[in-house]
């Protein structure tokens, strides 16, 4: 299923290593601020609004299968 969503992305170098669906942009920015408090070399966090292909997990939650960047 393809949906519009807000995601928090963790980049290590040029690669996306982790992505999390967030409720809203303000929640995403809050989590980004908290994550950047612990300094890590070569790690960046970004919040984006984008389309994504989602898949339903066994517990009923959704996870990002792929991002659709336009």
N, C-alpha and C. Protein backbone atom coordinates (compact mmCIF):
# COMPACT_ATOMS: atom_id res chain seq x y z
N UNK A 1 0.85 -1.16 0.00
CA UNK A 1 0.00 0.00 0.00
C UNK A 1 0.90 1.23 0.00
N UNK A 2 0.54 2.23 -0.79
CA UNK A 2 1.31 3.47 -0.88
C UNK A 2 0.55 4.57 -0.14
N UNK A 3 1.25 5.24 0.78
CA UNK A 3 0.65 6.28 1.62
C UNK A 3 1.60 7.46 1.74
N UNK A 4 1.04 8.65 2.04
CA UNK A 4 1.85 9.80 2.44
C UNK A 4 2.14 9.66 3.91
N UNK A 5 3.38 9.92 4.33
CA UNK A 5 3.74 9.79 5.73
C UNK A 5 4.94 10.67 6.04
N UNK A 6 5.22 10.80 7.33
CA UNK A 6 6.39 11.51 7.82
C UNK A 6 7.34 10.46 8.38
N UNK A 7 8.60 10.56 8.03
CA UNK A 7 9.57 9.57 8.48
C UNK A 7 10.83 10.25 9.00
N UNK A 8 11.42 9.62 10.00
CA UNK A 8 12.72 10.02 10.53
C UNK A 8 13.74 9.08 9.92
N UNK A 9 14.70 9.65 9.20
CA UNK A 9 15.73 8.86 8.53
C UNK A 9 17.06 9.02 9.24
N UNK A 10 17.80 7.92 9.38
CA UNK A 10 19.15 7.97 9.93
C UNK A 10 20.12 7.63 8.80
N UNK A 11 21.00 8.56 8.50
CA UNK A 11 22.02 8.37 7.47
C UNK A 11 23.35 8.07 8.14
N UNK A 12 24.03 7.05 7.67
CA UNK A 12 25.42 6.80 8.06
C UNK A 12 26.21 6.92 6.77
N UNK A 13 26.95 8.02 6.68
CA UNK A 13 27.59 8.35 5.41
C UNK A 13 26.50 8.70 4.41
N UNK A 14 26.58 8.19 3.19
CA UNK A 14 25.55 8.52 2.19
C UNK A 14 24.34 7.58 2.20
N UNK A 15 24.36 6.55 3.04
CA UNK A 15 23.33 5.51 3.02
C UNK A 15 22.30 5.68 4.13
N UNK A 16 21.03 5.37 3.82
CA UNK A 16 19.98 5.34 4.84
C UNK A 16 20.09 4.01 5.56
N UNK A 17 20.35 4.06 6.86
CA UNK A 17 20.50 2.84 7.63
C UNK A 17 19.24 2.47 8.41
N UNK A 18 18.42 3.48 8.74
CA UNK A 18 17.20 3.21 9.51
C UNK A 18 16.16 4.25 9.16
N UNK A 19 14.89 3.85 9.19
CA UNK A 19 13.79 4.77 8.95
C UNK A 19 12.63 4.38 9.83
N UNK A 20 11.97 5.39 10.39
CA UNK A 20 10.86 5.19 11.31
C UNK A 20 9.70 6.08 10.92
N UNK A 21 8.50 5.52 10.89
CA UNK A 21 7.29 6.30 10.64
C UNK A 21 6.98 7.11 11.88
N UNK A 22 6.63 8.39 11.68
CA UNK A 22 6.30 9.28 12.79
C UNK A 22 4.86 9.78 12.63
N UNK A 23 4.25 10.18 13.73
CA UNK A 23 2.86 10.65 13.71
C UNK A 23 2.71 11.97 12.98
N UNK A 24 3.67 12.88 13.19
CA UNK A 24 3.59 14.22 12.58
C UNK A 24 5.01 14.77 12.46
N UNK A 25 5.13 15.90 11.76
CA UNK A 25 6.44 16.52 11.60
C UNK A 25 6.98 17.02 12.94
N UNK A 26 6.13 17.52 13.81
CA UNK A 26 6.61 18.01 15.11
C UNK A 26 7.15 16.87 15.96
N UNK A 27 6.51 15.72 15.93
CA UNK A 27 7.01 14.55 16.68
C UNK A 27 8.34 14.10 16.08
N UNK A 28 8.43 14.12 14.76
CA UNK A 28 9.66 13.72 14.09
C UNK A 28 10.81 14.65 14.48
N UNK A 29 10.57 15.95 14.47
CA UNK A 29 11.62 16.90 14.84
C UNK A 29 12.04 16.73 16.30
N UNK A 30 11.10 16.42 17.16
CA UNK A 30 11.41 16.16 18.57
C UNK A 30 12.34 14.96 18.70
N UNK A 31 12.03 13.87 18.00
CA UNK A 31 12.87 12.67 18.05
C UNK A 31 14.24 12.92 17.42
N UNK A 32 14.28 13.74 16.38
CA UNK A 32 15.56 14.08 15.75
C UNK A 32 16.45 14.85 16.73
N UNK A 33 15.84 15.82 17.44
CA UNK A 33 16.61 16.58 18.44
C UNK A 33 17.16 15.65 19.51
N UNK A 34 16.33 14.73 19.98
CA UNK A 34 16.78 13.79 21.02
C UNK A 34 17.91 12.90 20.51
N UNK A 35 17.81 12.45 19.27
CA UNK A 35 18.84 11.56 18.70
C UNK A 35 20.16 12.29 18.50
N UNK A 36 20.12 13.57 18.16
CA UNK A 36 21.37 14.30 17.90
C UNK A 36 22.07 14.73 19.18
N UNK A 37 21.46 14.53 20.32
CA UNK A 37 22.12 14.87 21.59
C UNK A 37 23.29 13.94 21.88
N UNK A 38 23.24 12.74 21.35
CA UNK A 38 24.35 11.79 21.51
C UNK A 38 25.19 11.88 20.24
N UNK A 39 26.35 12.53 20.33
CA UNK A 39 27.15 12.72 19.11
C UNK A 39 27.68 11.39 18.58
N UNK A 40 27.53 11.20 17.29
CA UNK A 40 28.06 10.01 16.62
C UNK A 40 28.73 10.47 15.33
N UNK A 41 29.93 10.00 15.08
CA UNK A 41 30.62 10.44 13.86
C UNK A 41 29.93 9.91 12.60
N UNK A 42 29.80 10.78 11.61
CA UNK A 42 29.29 10.40 10.30
C UNK A 42 27.81 9.98 10.31
N UNK A 43 27.04 10.38 11.34
CA UNK A 43 25.62 10.04 11.42
C UNK A 43 24.80 11.33 11.35
N UNK A 44 23.79 11.34 10.49
CA UNK A 44 22.88 12.48 10.36
C UNK A 44 21.45 11.98 10.43
N UNK A 45 20.55 12.83 10.94
CA UNK A 45 19.13 12.51 11.02
C UNK A 45 18.36 13.56 10.23
N UNK A 46 17.32 13.11 9.50
CA UNK A 46 16.49 14.03 8.74
C UNK A 46 15.03 13.59 8.83
N UNK A 47 14.13 14.57 8.88
CA UNK A 47 12.71 14.30 8.83
C UNK A 47 12.21 14.64 7.43
N UNK A 48 11.43 13.76 6.85
CA UNK A 48 10.90 14.01 5.52
C UNK A 48 9.41 13.70 5.47
N UNK A 49 8.70 14.41 4.58
CA UNK A 49 7.32 14.10 4.22
C UNK A 49 7.39 13.51 2.84
N UNK A 50 6.92 12.29 2.68
CA UNK A 50 7.07 11.63 1.40
C UNK A 50 6.02 10.54 1.25
N UNK A 51 5.96 10.00 0.05
CA UNK A 51 5.17 8.79 -0.17
C UNK A 51 6.06 7.60 0.15
N UNK A 52 5.44 6.53 0.62
CA UNK A 52 6.20 5.32 0.90
C UNK A 52 5.32 4.11 0.67
N UNK A 53 5.96 3.03 0.28
CA UNK A 53 5.26 1.76 0.19
C UNK A 53 5.36 1.12 1.56
N UNK A 54 4.20 0.85 2.17
CA UNK A 54 4.16 0.30 3.52
C UNK A 54 3.75 -1.16 3.49
N UNK A 55 4.22 -1.89 4.50
CA UNK A 55 3.77 -3.27 4.65
C UNK A 55 3.29 -3.47 6.09
N UNK A 56 2.28 -4.29 6.24
CA UNK A 56 1.69 -4.52 7.55
C UNK A 56 2.46 -5.63 8.26
N UNK A 57 2.82 -5.38 9.51
CA UNK A 57 3.52 -6.36 10.33
C UNK A 57 2.53 -7.33 10.98
N UNK A 58 3.03 -8.37 11.58
CA UNK A 58 2.20 -9.37 12.24
C UNK A 58 1.38 -8.75 13.36
N UNK A 59 1.95 -7.77 14.07
CA UNK A 59 1.25 -7.15 15.20
C UNK A 59 0.27 -6.06 14.78
N UNK A 60 0.11 -5.83 13.46
CA UNK A 60 -0.84 -4.83 12.98
C UNK A 60 -0.25 -3.47 12.71
N UNK A 61 1.01 -3.24 13.11
CA UNK A 61 1.66 -1.97 12.83
C UNK A 61 2.18 -1.98 11.39
N UNK A 62 2.62 -0.82 10.92
CA UNK A 62 3.13 -0.71 9.56
C UNK A 62 4.61 -0.37 9.59
N UNK A 63 5.33 -0.82 8.59
CA UNK A 63 6.73 -0.46 8.43
C UNK A 63 6.95 -0.04 6.99
N UNK A 64 8.03 0.71 6.77
CA UNK A 64 8.34 1.22 5.45
C UNK A 64 9.06 0.14 4.65
N UNK A 65 8.48 -0.21 3.52
CA UNK A 65 9.12 -1.17 2.62
C UNK A 65 10.06 -0.43 1.67
N UNK A 66 9.60 0.70 1.12
CA UNK A 66 10.47 1.52 0.27
C UNK A 66 9.94 2.95 0.25
N UNK A 67 10.85 3.90 0.15
CA UNK A 67 10.49 5.32 0.05
C UNK A 67 10.33 5.69 -1.40
N UNK A 68 9.36 6.55 -1.68
CA UNK A 68 9.15 7.06 -3.03
C UNK A 68 9.49 8.55 -2.99
N UNK A 69 10.70 8.88 -3.39
CA UNK A 69 11.17 10.26 -3.34
C UNK A 69 10.88 10.93 -4.67
N UNK A 70 10.16 12.04 -4.63
CA UNK A 70 9.78 12.75 -5.85
C UNK A 70 10.45 14.10 -5.91
